[in-house]
PDB file of N, CA and C in Angstrom:
ATOM      1  N   MET A   1       0.810  -1.261   0.019  1.00  0.00           N
ATOM      2  CA  MET A   1      -0.067  -0.001   0.000  1.00  0.00           C
ATOM      3  C   MET A   1       0.964   1.340   0.020  1.00  0.00           C
ATOM      4  N   MET A   2       0.552   2.103  -0.801  1.00  0.00           N
ATOM      5  CA  MET A   2       1.276   3.419  -0.794  1.00  0.00           C
ATOM      6  C   MET A   2       0.614   4.390   0.249  1.00  0.00           C
ATOM      7  N   ASP A   3       1.534   5.044   0.859  1.00  0.00           N
ATOM      8  CA  ASP A   3       0.965   6.140   1.879  1.00  0.00           C
ATOM      9  C   ASP A   3       0.092   7.126   1.100  1.00  0.00           C
ATOM     10  N   ASN A   4      -0.870   7.557   1.892  1.00  0.00           N
ATOM     11  CA  ASN A   4      -1.851   8.573   1.443  1.00  0.00           C
ATOM     12  C   ASN A   4      -2.761   8.018   0.267  1.00  0.00           C
ATOM     13  N   ALA A   5      -2.721   6.621  -0.055  1.00  0.00           N
ATOM     14  CA  ALA A   5      -3.681   6.191  -1.088  1.00  0.00           C
ATOM     15  C   ALA A   5      -5.106   6.484  -0.681  1.00  0.00           C
ATOM     16  N   PRO A   6      -5.950   6.977  -1.450  1.00  0.00           N
ATOM     17  CA  PRO A   6      -7.349   7.323  -1.240  1.00  0.00           C
ATOM     18  C   PRO A   6      -8.238   6.018  -0.853  1.00  0.00           C
ATOM     19  N   PHE A   7      -7.860   4.914  -1.386  1.00  0.00           N
ATOM     20  CA  PHE A   7      -8.570   3.710  -1.256  1.00  0.00           C
ATOM     21  C   PHE A   7      -7.649   2.536  -1.050  1.00  0.00           C
ATOM     22  N   VAL A   8      -8.068   1.631  -0.170  1.00  0.00           N
ATOM     23  CA  VAL A   8      -7.169   0.566   0.257  1.00  0.00           C
ATOM     24  C   VAL A   8      -8.063  -0.658   0.324  1.00  0.00           C
ATOM     25  N   THR A   9      -7.675  -1.792  -0.426  1.00  0.00           N
ATOM     26  CA  THR A   9      -8.178  -3.075  -0.374  1.00  0.00           C
ATOM     27  C   THR A   9      -7.495  -3.964   0.589  1.00  0.00           C
ATOM     28  N   PRO A  10      -8.137  -5.072   1.086  1.00  0.00           N
ATOM     29  CA  PRO A  10      -7.313  -5.848   1.968  1.00  0.00           C
ATOM     30  C   PRO A  10      -6.069  -6.475   1.328  1.00  0.00           C
ATOM     31  N   ALA A  11      -6.085  -6.652   0.006  1.00  0.00           N
ATOM     32  CA  ALA A  11      -4.853  -7.188  -0.591  1.00  0.00           C
ATOM     33  C   ALA A  11      -3.798  -6.030  -0.635  1.00  0.00           C
ATOM     34  N   ASP A  12      -4.216  -4.901  -0.599  1.00  0.00           N
ATOM     35  CA  ASP A  12      -3.223  -3.693  -0.799  1.00  0.00           C
ATOM     36  C   ASP A  12      -2.636  -3.376   0.602  1.00  0.00           C
ATOM     37  N   ALA A  13      -3.317  -3.686   1.709  1.00  0.00           N
ATOM     38  CA  ALA A  13      -2.905  -3.330   2.978  1.00  0.00           C
ATOM     39  C   ALA A  13      -1.586  -3.940   3.405  1.00  0.00           C
ATOM     40  N   SER A  14      -0.615  -3.208   3.829  1.00  0.00           N
ATOM     41  CA  SER A  14       0.652  -3.766   4.329  1.00  0.00           C
ATOM     42  C   SER A  14       0.469  -4.400   5.715  1.00  0.00           C
ATOM     43  N   GLN A  15       1.032  -5.562   5.888  1.00  0.00           N
ATOM     44  CA  GLN A  15       0.862  -6.269   7.001  1.00  0.00           C
ATOM     45  C   GLN A  15       2.267  -6.443   7.643  1.00  0.00           C
ATOM     46  N   MET A  16       2.305  -6.256   9.071  1.00  0.00           N
ATOM     47  CA  MET A  16       3.398  -6.420   9.724  1.00  0.00           C
ATOM     48  C   MET A  16       3.377  -7.192  11.106  1.00  0.00           C
ATOM     49  N   LEU A  17       4.270  -8.069  11.435  1.00  0.00           N
ATOM     50  CA  LEU A  17       4.172  -8.835  12.687  1.00  0.00           C
ATOM     51  C   LEU A  17       4.753  -7.802  13.790  1.00  0.00           C
ATOM     52  N   LEU A  18       4.088  -7.539  14.798  1.00  0.00           N
ATOM     53  CA  LEU A  18       4.603  -6.668  15.871  1.00  0.00           C
ATOM     54  C   LEU A  18       5.554  -7.492  16.705  1.00  0.00           C
ATOM     55  N   PRO A  19       6.391  -6.830  17.504  1.00  0.00           N
ATOM     56  CA  PRO A  19       7.426  -7.520  18.266  1.00  0.00           C
ATOM     57  C   PRO A  19       6.776  -8.325  19.318  1.00  0.00           C
ATOM     58  N   PHE A  20       5.539  -8.096  19.858  1.00  0.00           N
ATOM     59  CA  PHE A  20       4.923  -8.798  20.987  1.00  0.00           C
ATOM     60  C   PHE A  20       4.023  -9.892  20.453  1.00  0.00           C
ATOM     61  N   GLY A  21       3.835 -10.155  19.091  1.00  0.00           N
ATOM     62  CA  GLY A  21       3.155 -11.206  18.674  1.00  0.00           C
ATOM     63  C   GLY A  21       1.782 -10.909  17.960  1.00  0.00           C
ATOM     64  N   ALA A  22       1.435  -9.707  17.818  1.00  0.00           N
ATOM     65  CA  ALA A  22       0.153  -9.269  17.164  1.00  0.00           C
ATOM     66  C   ALA A  22       0.602  -8.956  15.746  1.00  0.00           C
ATOM     67  N   TYR A  23      -0.386  -8.884  14.864  1.00  0.00           N
ATOM     68  CA  TYR A  23      -0.292  -8.497  13.401  1.00  0.00           C
ATOM     69  C   TYR A  23      -1.076  -7.194  13.330  1.00  0.00           C
ATOM     70  N   ARG A  24      -0.556  -6.294  12.456  1.00  0.00           N
ATOM     71  CA  ARG A  24      -1.316  -5.029  12.137  1.00  0.00           C
ATOM     72  C   ARG A  24      -1.316  -4.823  10.634  1.00  0.00           C
ATOM     73  N   ARG A  25      -2.437  -4.195  10.043  1.00  0.00           N
ATOM     74  CA  ARG A  25      -2.375  -3.944   8.623  1.00  0.00           C
ATOM     75  C   ARG A  25      -2.766  -2.440   8.618  1.00  0.00           C
ATOM     76  N   THR A  26      -2.003  -1.668   7.824  1.00  0.00           N
ATOM     77  CA  THR A  26      -2.294  -0.291   7.617  1.00  0.00           C
ATOM     78  C   THR A  26      -3.379  -0.087   6.654  1.00  0.00           C
ATOM     79  N   LEU A  27      -4.492   0.397   7.084  1.00  0.00           N
ATOM     80  CA  LEU A  27      -5.619   0.621   6.267  1.00  0.00           C
ATOM     81  C   LEU A  27      -5.764   2.002   5.525  1.00  0.00           C
ATOM     82  N   GLY A  28      -5.080   2.893   6.055  1.00  0.00           N
ATOM     83  CA  GLY A  28      -5.068   4.340   5.475  1.00  0.00           C
ATOM     84  C   GLY A  28      -4.145   5.289   6.302  1.00  0.00           C
ATOM     85  N   THR A  29      -3.500   6.135   5.496  1.00  0.00           N
ATOM     86  CA  THR A  29      -2.593   7.015   6.033  1.00  0.00           C
ATOM     87  C   THR A  29      -2.747   8.430   5.459  1.00  0.00           C
ATOM     88  N   THR A  30      -2.905   9.562   6.254  1.00  0.00           N
ATOM     89  CA  THR A  30      -2.864  10.884   5.735  1.00  0.00           C
ATOM     90  C   THR A  30      -1.672  11.534   6.484  1.00  0.00           C
ATOM     91  N   GLU A  31      -1.526  12.848   6.084  1.00  0.00           N
ATOM     92  CA  GLU A  31      -0.548  13.597   6.784  1.00  0.00           C
ATOM     93  C   GLU A  31      -0.634  13.573   8.350  1.00  0.00           C
ATOM     94  N   HIS A  32      -1.936  13.487   8.858  1.00  0.00           N
ATOM     95  CA  HIS A  32      -2.133  13.773  10.270  1.00  0.00           C
ATOM     96  C   HIS A  32      -2.649  12.462  10.968  1.00  0.00           C
ATOM     97  N   MET A  33      -3.029  11.491  10.261  1.00  0.00           N
ATOM     98  CA  MET A  33      -3.449  10.259  11.081  1.00  0.00           C
ATOM     99  C   MET A  33      -3.264   9.010  10.207  1.00  0.00           C
ATOM    100  N   MET A  34      -3.349   7.881  10.905  1.00  0.00           N
ATOM    101  CA  MET A  34      -3.244   6.545  10.437  1.00  0.00           C
ATOM    102  C   MET A  34      -4.248   5.636  10.931  1.00  0.00           C
ATOM    103  N   LEU A  35      -4.807   4.796  10.119  1.00  0.00           N
ATOM    104  CA  LEU A  35      -5.849   3.802  10.504  1.00  0.00           C
ATOM    105  C   LEU A  35      -5.299   2.347  10.400  1.00  0.00           C
ATOM    106  N   LEU A  36      -5.371   1.515  11.451  1.00  0.00           N
ATOM    107  CA  LEU A  36      -4.868   0.240  11.405  1.00  0.00           C
ATOM    108  C   LEU A  36      -5.866  -0.793  11.855  1.00  0.00           C
ATOM    109  N   GLU A  37      -5.747  -1.969  11.319  1.00  0.00           N
ATOM    110  CA  GLU A  37      -6.494  -3.130  11.772  1.00  0.00           C
ATOM    111  C   GLU A  37      -5.524  -3.977  12.493  1.00  0.00           C
ATOM    112  N   VAL A  38      -5.770  -4.457  13.782  1.00  0.00           N
ATOM    113  CA  VAL A  38      -4.849  -5.240  14.535  1.00  0.00           C
ATOM    114  C   VAL A  38      -5.441  -6.554  14.978  1.00  0.00           C
ATOM    115  N   TYR A  39      -4.756  -7.766  14.697  1.00  0.00           N
ATOM    116  CA  TYR A  39      -5.172  -8.988  15.178  1.00  0.00           C
ATOM    117  C   TYR A  39      -4.241  -9.326  16.310  1.00  0.00           C
ATOM    118  N   VAL A  40      -4.767  -9.675  17.416  1.00  0.00           N
ATOM    119  CA  VAL A  40      -4.083 -10.051  18.637  1.00  0.00           C
ATOM    120  C   VAL A  40      -4.494 -11.413  19.069  1.00  0.00           C
ATOM    121  N   PRO A  41      -3.648 -12.435  18.916  1.00  0.00           N
ATOM    122  CA  PRO A  41      -3.899 -13.766  19.398  1.00  0.00           C
ATOM    123  C   PRO A  41      -4.117 -13.918  20.888  1.00  0.00           C
ATOM    124  N   ARG A  42      -4.982 -14.897  21.138  1.00  0.00           N
ATOM    125  CA  ARG A  42      -5.224 -15.255  22.595  1.00  0.00           C
ATOM    126  C   ARG A  42      -3.962 -15.254  23.455  1.00  0.00           C
ATOM    127  N   GLU A  43      -4.069 -14.593  24.598  1.00  0.00           N
ATOM    128  CA  GLU A  43      -3.044 -14.517  25.724  1.00  0.00           C
ATOM    129  C   GLU A  43      -1.875 -13.647  25.170  1.00  0.00           C
ATOM    130  N   THR A  44      -1.948 -13.006  24.182  1.00  0.00           N
ATOM    131  CA  THR A  44      -0.885 -12.096  23.590  1.00  0.00           C
ATOM    132  C   THR A  44      -0.856 -10.887  24.624  1.00  0.00           C
ATOM    133  N   VAL A  45       0.375 -10.550  25.129  1.00  0.00           N
ATOM    134  CA  VAL A  45       0.377  -9.409  26.038  1.00  0.00           C
ATOM    135  C   VAL A  45       1.040  -8.198  25.347  1.00  0.00           C
ATOM    136  N   VAL A  46       0.485  -7.008  25.308  1.00  0.00           N
ATOM    137  CA  VAL A  46       1.021  -5.755  24.705  1.00  0.00           C
ATOM    138  C   VAL A  46       1.663  -5.112  25.884  1.00  0.00           C
ATOM    139  N   PRO A  47       3.003  -5.114  25.936  1.00  0.00           N
ATOM    140  CA  PRO A  47       3.805  -4.598  27.146  1.00  0.00           C
ATOM    141  C   PRO A  47       3.484  -3.101  27.402  1.00  0.00           C
ATOM    142  N   GLU A  48       3.573  -2.637  28.569  1.00  0.00           N
ATOM    143  CA  GLU A  48       3.320  -1.249  28.894  1.00  0.00           C
ATOM    144  C   GLU A  48       4.262  -0.406  28.181  1.00  0.00           C
ATOM    145  N   HIS A  49       3.716   0.725  27.507  1.00  0.00           N
ATOM    146  CA  HIS A  49       4.558   1.530  26.747  1.00  0.00           C
ATOM    147  C   HIS A  49       3.774   2.827  26.627  1.00  0.00           C
ATOM    148  N   SER A  50       4.567   3.878  26.028  1.00  0.00           N
ATOM    149  CA  SER A  50       3.898   5.156  25.722  1.00  0.00           C
ATOM    150  C   SER A  50       4.521   5.531  24.418  1.00  0.00           C
ATOM    151  N   HIS A  51       3.932   6.558  23.735  1.00  0.00           N
ATOM    152  CA  HIS A  51       4.439   7.206  22.583  1.00  0.00           C
ATOM    153  C   HIS A  51       3.884   8.631  22.402  1.00  0.00           C
ATOM    154  N   VAL A  52       4.350   9.429  21.618  1.00  0.00           N
ATOM    155  CA  VAL A  52       3.956  10.775  21.438  1.00  0.00           C
ATOM    156  C   VAL A  52       2.621  10.843  20.684  1.00  0.00           C
ATOM    157  N   HIS A  53       2.313   9.758  19.976  1.00  0.00           N
ATOM    158  CA  HIS A  53       0.948   9.629  19.239  1.00  0.00           C
ATOM    159  C   HIS A  53      -0.244   9.621  20.128  1.00  0.00           C
ATOM    160  N   GLU A  54      -1.313  10.355  19.699  1.00  0.00           N
ATOM    161  CA  GLU A  54      -2.559   9.995  20.391  1.00  0.00           C
ATOM    162  C   GLU A  54      -3.087   8.854  19.765  1.00  0.00           C
ATOM    163  N   GLN A  55      -3.888   8.030  20.493  1.00  0.00           N
ATOM    164  CA  GLN A  55      -4.374   6.743  19.990  1.00  0.00           C
ATOM    165  C   GLN A  55      -5.810   6.419  20.456  1.00  0.00           C
ATOM    166  N   VAL A  56      -6.614   6.047  19.434  1.00  0.00           N
ATOM    167  CA  VAL A  56      -8.032   5.693  19.901  1.00  0.00           C
ATOM    168  C   VAL A  56      -8.170   4.240  19.213  1.00  0.00           C
ATOM    169  N   GLY A  57      -9.004   3.434  19.775  1.00  0.00           N
ATOM    170  CA  GLY A  57      -9.314   2.150  19.282  1.00  0.00           C
ATOM    171  C   GLY A  57     -10.701   1.633  19.576  1.00  0.00           C
ATOM    172  N   TYR A  58     -11.096   0.677  18.775  1.00  0.00           N
ATOM    173  CA  TYR A  58     -12.447   0.042  18.830  1.00  0.00           C
ATOM    174  C   TYR A  58     -12.269  -1.442  18.595  1.00  0.00           C
ATOM    175  N   LEU A  59     -12.841  -2.115  19.555  1.00  0.00           N
ATOM    176  CA  LEU A  59     -12.760  -3.649  19.528  1.00  0.00           C
ATOM    177  C   LEU A  59     -13.888  -4.130  18.605  1.00  0.00           C
ATOM    178  N   ILE A  60     -13.399  -4.805  17.543  1.00  0.00           N
ATOM    179  CA  ILE A  60     -14.360  -5.433  16.620  1.00  0.00           C
ATOM    180  C   ILE A  60     -14.841  -6.935  17.067  1.00  0.00           C
ATOM    181  N   SER A  61     -13.903  -7.559  17.612  1.00  0.00           N
ATOM    182  CA  SER A  61     -14.284  -8.910  18.009  1.00  0.00           C
ATOM    183  C   SER A  61     -13.304  -9.372  19.079  1.00  0.00           C
ATOM    184  N   GLY A  62     -13.663 -10.467  19.864  1.00  0.00           N
ATOM    185  CA  GLY A  62     -12.759 -10.920  20.870  1.00  0.00           C
ATOM    186  C   GLY A  62     -12.993 -10.323  22.332  1.00  0.00           C
ATOM    187  N   LYS A  63     -12.072 -10.357  23.090  1.00  0.00           N
ATOM    188  CA  LYS A  63     -12.110  -9.807  24.431  1.00  0.00           C
ATOM    189  C   LYS A  63     -10.721  -9.357  24.968  1.00  0.00           C
ATOM    190  N   MET A  64     -10.525  -8.116  25.335  1.00  0.00           N
ATOM    191  CA  MET A  64      -9.203  -7.714  25.875  1.00  0.00           C
ATOM    192  C   MET A  64      -9.212  -6.924  26.984  1.00  0.00           C
ATOM    193  N   GLU A  65      -8.212  -7.082  27.758  1.00  0.00           N
ATOM    194  CA  GLU A  65      -8.008  -6.197  28.957  1.00  0.00           C
ATOM    195  C   GLU A  65      -7.051  -5.148  28.576  1.00  0.00           C
ATOM    196  N   PHE A  66      -7.434  -3.860  28.871  1.00  0.00           N
ATOM    197  CA  PHE A  66      -6.521  -2.766  28.504  1.00  0.00           C
ATOM    198  C   PHE A  66      -6.382  -1.895  29.751  1.00  0.00           C
ATOM    199  N   THR A  67      -5.106  -1.402  29.980  1.00  0.00           N
ATOM    200  CA  THR A  67      -4.810  -0.484  31.035  1.00  0.00           C
ATOM    201  C   THR A  67      -4.253   0.786  30.457  1.00  0.00           C
ATOM    202  N   VAL A  68      -4.939   1.941  30.708  1.00  0.00           N
ATOM    203  CA  VAL A  68      -4.562   3.206  30.242  1.00  0.00           C
ATOM    204  C   VAL A  68      -4.361   4.105  31.456  1.00  0.00           C
ATOM    205  N   GLY A  69      -3.151   4.658  31.710  1.00  0.00           N
ATOM    206  CA  GLY A  69      -2.868   5.570  32.682  1.00  0.00           C
ATOM    207  C   GLY A  69      -3.267   5.053  34.008  1.00  0.00           C
ATOM    208  N   GLY A  70      -3.050   3.593  34.240  1.00  0.00           N
ATOM    209  CA  GLY A  70      -3.144   2.953  35.507  1.00  0.00           C
ATOM    210  C   GLY A  70      -4.670   2.448  35.780  1.00  0.00           C
ATOM    211  N   VAL A  71      -5.635   2.697  34.769  1.00  0.00           N
ATOM    212  CA  VAL A  71      -6.937   2.298  34.941  1.00  0.00           C
ATOM    213  C   VAL A  71      -7.058   1.096  33.963  1.00  0.00           C
ATOM    214  N   THR A  72      -7.627  -0.085  34.541  1.00  0.00           N
ATOM    215  CA  THR A  72      -7.779  -1.236  33.741  1.00  0.00           C
ATOM    216  C   THR A  72      -9.312  -1.444  33.380  1.00  0.00           C
ATOM    217  N   HIS A  73      -9.500  -1.936  32.258  1.00  0.00           N
ATOM    218  CA  HIS A  73     -10.948  -2.271  31.839  1.00  0.00           C
ATOM    219  C   HIS A  73     -10.907  -3.334  30.783  1.00  0.00           C
ATOM    220  N   THR A  74     -11.895  -4.271  31.010  1.00  0.00           N
ATOM    221  CA  THR A  74     -12.009  -5.415  30.034  1.00  0.00           C
ATOM    222  C   THR A  74     -12.942  -4.935  28.881  1.00  0.00           C
ATOM    223  N   LEU A  75     -12.427  -4.930  27.718  1.00  0.00           N
ATOM    224  CA  LEU A  75     -13.289  -4.579  26.511  1.00  0.00           C
ATOM    225  C   LEU A  75     -13.893  -5.725  25.880  1.00  0.00           C
ATOM    226  N   ILE A  76     -15.220  -5.532  25.418  1.00  0.00           N
ATOM    227  CA  ILE A  76     -15.866  -6.450  24.655  1.00  0.00           C
ATOM    228  C   ILE A  76     -16.271  -5.875  23.307  1.00  0.00           C
ATOM    229  N   PRO A  77     -16.615  -6.645  22.301  1.00  0.00           N
ATOM    230  CA  PRO A  77     -16.956  -5.951  21.017  1.00  0.00           C
ATOM    231  C   PRO A  77     -17.800  -4.735  21.034  1.00  0.00           C
ATOM    232  N   GLY A  78     -17.516  -3.687  20.441  1.00  0.00           N
ATOM    233  CA  GLY A  78     -18.243  -2.426  20.462  1.00  0.00           C
ATOM    234  C   GLY A  78     -17.634  -1.412  21.466  1.00  0.00           C
ATOM    235  N   ASP A  79     -16.825  -1.854  22.402  1.00  0.00           N
ATOM    236  CA  ASP A  79     -16.093  -0.965  23.214  1.00  0.00           C
ATOM    237  C   ASP A  79     -14.930  -0.274  22.558  1.00  0.00           C
ATOM    238  N   SER A  80     -14.710   0.903  23.125  1.00  0.00           N
ATOM    239  CA  SER A  80     -13.581   1.703  22.495  1.00  0.00           C
ATOM    240  C   SER A  80     -12.704   2.361  23.644  1.00  0.00           C
ATOM    241  N   TYR A  81     -11.557   2.835  23.307  1.00  0.00           N
ATOM    242  CA  TYR A  81     -10.678   3.425  24.217  1.00  0.00           C
ATOM    243  C   TYR A  81      -9.869   4.504  23.655  1.00  0.00           C
ATOM    244  N   ALA A  82      -9.261   5.439  24.461  1.00  0.00           N
ATOM    245  CA  ALA A  82      -8.464   6.517  23.972  1.00  0.00           C
ATOM    246  C   ALA A  82      -7.271   6.719  24.786  1.00  0.00           C
ATOM    247  N   VAL A  83      -6.207   6.938  24.252  1.00  0.00           N
ATOM    248  CA  VAL A  83      -4.843   6.975  24.886  1.00  0.00           C
ATOM    249  C   VAL A  83      -4.290   8.432  24.526  1.00  0.00           C
ATOM    250  N   PRO A  84      -4.341   9.304  25.454  1.00  0.00           N
ATOM    251  CA  PRO A  84      -3.586  10.533  25.131  1.00  0.00           C
ATOM    252  C   PRO A  84      -2.088  10.382  24.880  1.00  0.00           C
ATOM    253  N   SER A  85      -1.498  11.482  24.360  1.00  0.00           N
ATOM    254  CA  SER A  85      -0.043  11.403  23.970  1.00  0.00           C
ATOM    255  C   SER A  85       0.693  11.164  25.262  1.00  0.00           C
ATOM    256  N   SER A  86       1.700  10.290  25.189  1.00  0.00           N
ATOM    257  CA  SER A  86       2.751   9.976  26.343  1.00  0.00           C
ATOM    258  C   SER A  86       2.097   9.235  27.573  1.00  0.00           C
ATOM    259  N   VAL A  87       1.053   8.804  27.551  1.00  0.00           N
ATOM    260  CA  VAL A  87       0.347   8.147  28.671  1.00  0.00           C
ATOM    261  C   VAL A  87       0.657   6.561  28.542  1.00  0.00           C
ATOM    262  N   LEU A  88       1.199   6.090  29.683  1.00  0.00           N
ATOM    263  CA  LEU A  88       1.474   4.627  29.639  1.00  0.00           C
ATOM    264  C   LEU A  88       0.228   3.752  29.473  1.00  0.00           C
ATOM    265  N   HIS A  89       0.353   2.703  28.621  1.00  0.00           N
ATOM    266  CA  HIS A  89      -0.735   1.833  28.340  1.00  0.00           C
ATOM    267  C   HIS A  89      -0.224   0.381  28.068  1.00  0.00           C
ATOM    268  N   SER A  90      -1.110  -0.577  28.295  1.00  0.00           N
ATOM    269  CA  SER A  90      -0.795  -1.894  27.975  1.00  0.00           C
ATOM    270  C   SER A  90      -2.110  -2.746  27.744  1.00  0.00           C
ATOM    271  N   GLY A  91      -2.003  -4.021  27.200  1.00  0.00           N
ATOM    272  CA  GLY A  91      -3.225  -4.800  26.937  1.00  0.00           C
ATOM    273  C   GLY A  91      -2.818  -6.190  26.941  1.00  0.00           C
ATOM    274  N   ARG A  92      -3.873  -7.069  27.019  1.00  0.00           N
ATOM    275  CA  ARG A  92      -3.882  -8.565  26.921  1.00  0.00           C
ATOM    276  C   ARG A  92      -5.001  -8.980  26.164  1.00  0.00           C
ATOM    277  N   ALA A  93      -4.781  -9.908  25.212  1.00  0.00           N
ATOM    278  CA  ALA A  93      -5.931 -10.584  24.561  1.00  0.00           C
ATOM    279  C   ALA A  93      -6.438 -11.733  25.482  1.00  0.00           C
ATOM    280  N   ILE A  94      -7.615 -11.653  25.870  1.00  0.00           N
ATOM    281  CA  ILE A  94      -8.170 -12.833  26.668  1.00  0.00           C
ATOM    282  C   ILE A  94      -8.538 -13.993  25.683  1.00  0.00           C
ATOM    283  N   VAL A  95      -8.955 -13.625  24.432  1.00  0.00           N
ATOM    284  CA  VAL A  95      -9.297 -14.569  23.344  1.00  0.00           C
ATOM    285  C   VAL A  95      -8.779 -13.870  22.150  1.00  0.00           C
ATOM    286  N   ASP A  96      -8.727 -14.628  20.936  1.00  0.00           N
ATOM    287  CA  ASP A  96      -8.302 -14.009  19.680  1.00  0.00           C
ATOM    288  C   ASP A  96      -9.087 -12.690  19.605  1.00  0.00           C
ATOM    289  N   SER A  97      -8.461 -11.631  19.170  1.00  0.00           N
ATOM    290  CA  SER A  97      -9.271 -10.294  19.071  1.00  0.00           C
ATOM    291  C   SER A  97      -8.836  -9.618  17.838  1.00  0.00           C
ATOM    292  N   VAL A  98      -9.770  -8.806  17.435  1.00  0.00           N
ATOM    293  CA  VAL A  98      -9.498  -7.906  16.299  1.00  0.00           C
ATOM    294  C   VAL A  98      -9.862  -6.431  16.664  1.00  0.00           C
ATOM    295  N   LEU A  99      -9.111  -5.428  16.455  1.00  0.00           N
ATOM    296  CA  LEU A  99      -9.465  -4.194  16.791  1.00  0.00           C
ATOM    297  C   LEU A  99      -8.872  -3.209  15.627  1.00  0.00           C
ATOM    298  N   VAL A 100      -9.571  -1.998  15.689  1.00  0.00           N
ATOM    299  CA  VAL A 100      -9.183  -0.963  14.726  1.00  0.00           C
ATOM    300  C   VAL A 100      -8.672   0.160  15.574  1.00  0.00           C
ATOM    301  N   GLU A 101      -7.396   0.794  15.058  1.00  0.00           N
ATOM    302  CA  GLU A 101      -6.842   1.799  15.841  1.00  0.00           C
ATOM    303  C   GLU A 101      -6.529   2.945  14.947  1.00  0.00           C
ATOM    304  N   VAL A 102      -6.574   4.143  15.471  1.00  0.00           N
ATOM    305  CA  VAL A 102      -6.125   5.392  14.809  1.00  0.00           C
ATOM    306  C   VAL A 102      -5.029   6.079  15.591  1.00  0.00           C
ATOM    307  N   PHE A 103      -3.977   6.442  14.802  1.00  0.00           N
ATOM    308  CA  PHE A 103      -2.915   7.166  15.553  1.00  0.00           C
ATOM    309  C   PHE A 103      -2.792   8.492  14.985  1.00  0.00           C
ATOM    310  N   SER A 104      -2.633   9.564  15.707  1.00  0.00           N
ATOM    311  CA  SER A 104      -2.260  10.877  15.222  1.00  0.00           C
ATOM    312  C   SER A 104      -1.132  11.467  16.076  1.00  0.00           C
ATOM    313  N   PRO A 105      -0.014  12.001  15.378  1.00  0.00           N
ATOM    314  CA  PRO A 105       0.275  11.823  13.979  1.00  0.00           C
ATOM    315  C   PRO A 105       0.461  10.378  13.567  1.00  0.00           C
ATOM    316  N   PRO A 106       0.535  10.075  12.308  1.00  0.00           N
ATOM    317  CA  PRO A 106       0.885   8.684  11.882  1.00  0.00           C
ATOM    318  C   PRO A 106       2.232   8.202  12.493  1.00  0.00           C
ATOM    319  N   ARG A 107       2.332   6.968  12.816  1.00  0.00           N
ATOM    320  CA  ARG A 107       3.473   6.325  13.363  1.00  0.00           C
ATOM    321  C   ARG A 107       4.492   6.010  12.235  1.00  0.00           C
ATOM    322  N   GLU A 108       5.593   6.666  12.273  1.00  0.00           N
ATOM    323  CA  GLU A 108       6.613   6.499  11.210  1.00  0.00           C
ATOM    324  C   GLU A 108       7.043   5.011  11.185  1.00  0.00           C
ATOM    325  N   ASP A 109       7.131   4.367  12.323  1.00  0.00           N
ATOM    326  CA  ASP A 109       7.643   3.091  12.387  1.00  0.00           C
ATOM    327  C   ASP A 109       6.541   1.987  11.874  1.00  0.00           C
ATOM    328  N   PHE A 110       5.339   2.532  11.549  1.00  0.00           N
ATOM    329  CA  PHE A 110       4.272   1.669  10.987  1.00  0.00           C
ATOM    330  C   PHE A 110       4.019   2.010   9.468  1.00  0.00           C
ATOM    331  N   ARG A 111       4.693   2.920   8.977  1.00  0.00           N
ATOM    332  CA  ARG A 111       4.449   3.227   7.530  1.00  0.00           C
ATOM    333  C   ARG A 111       4.913   2.132   6.616  1.00  0.00           C
ATOM    334  N   SER A 112       4.374   2.013   5.469  1.00  0.00           N
ATOM    335  CA  SER A 112       4.696   1.013   4.454  1.00  0.00           C
ATOM    336  C   SER A 112       6.106   0.997   4.165  1.00  0.00           C
ATOM    337  N   ARG A 113       6.754  -0.140   4.005  1.00  0.00           N
ATOM    338  CA  ARG A 113       8.124  -0.273   3.719  1.00  0.00           C
ATOM    339  C   ARG A 113       8.217  -0.651   2.276  1.00  0.00           C
TER     340      ARG A 113
END
């Protein structure tokens, strides 16, 4: 997928294995935001981390436990979350899960290679 492409099909979306075992596909990127689909296998742990990017997400399927700024919540399909810039956050997939995330500004480390 080329950055800033106005339309993206599943075949066009670049996929990347993340260091902690989840997979992400870049579904769209503009100058100021990036849309991702993330597949997180059961029992995968997203280690606590922070970044300058603002992040919002929406759980499509599965069940995940998220901690944002020290507050933990179990997400079920239809739930969403917001992570302000530089706030510590982490997660754990209780079952295989799929979520959609938006980052602003776009994460350079997730751009198409």
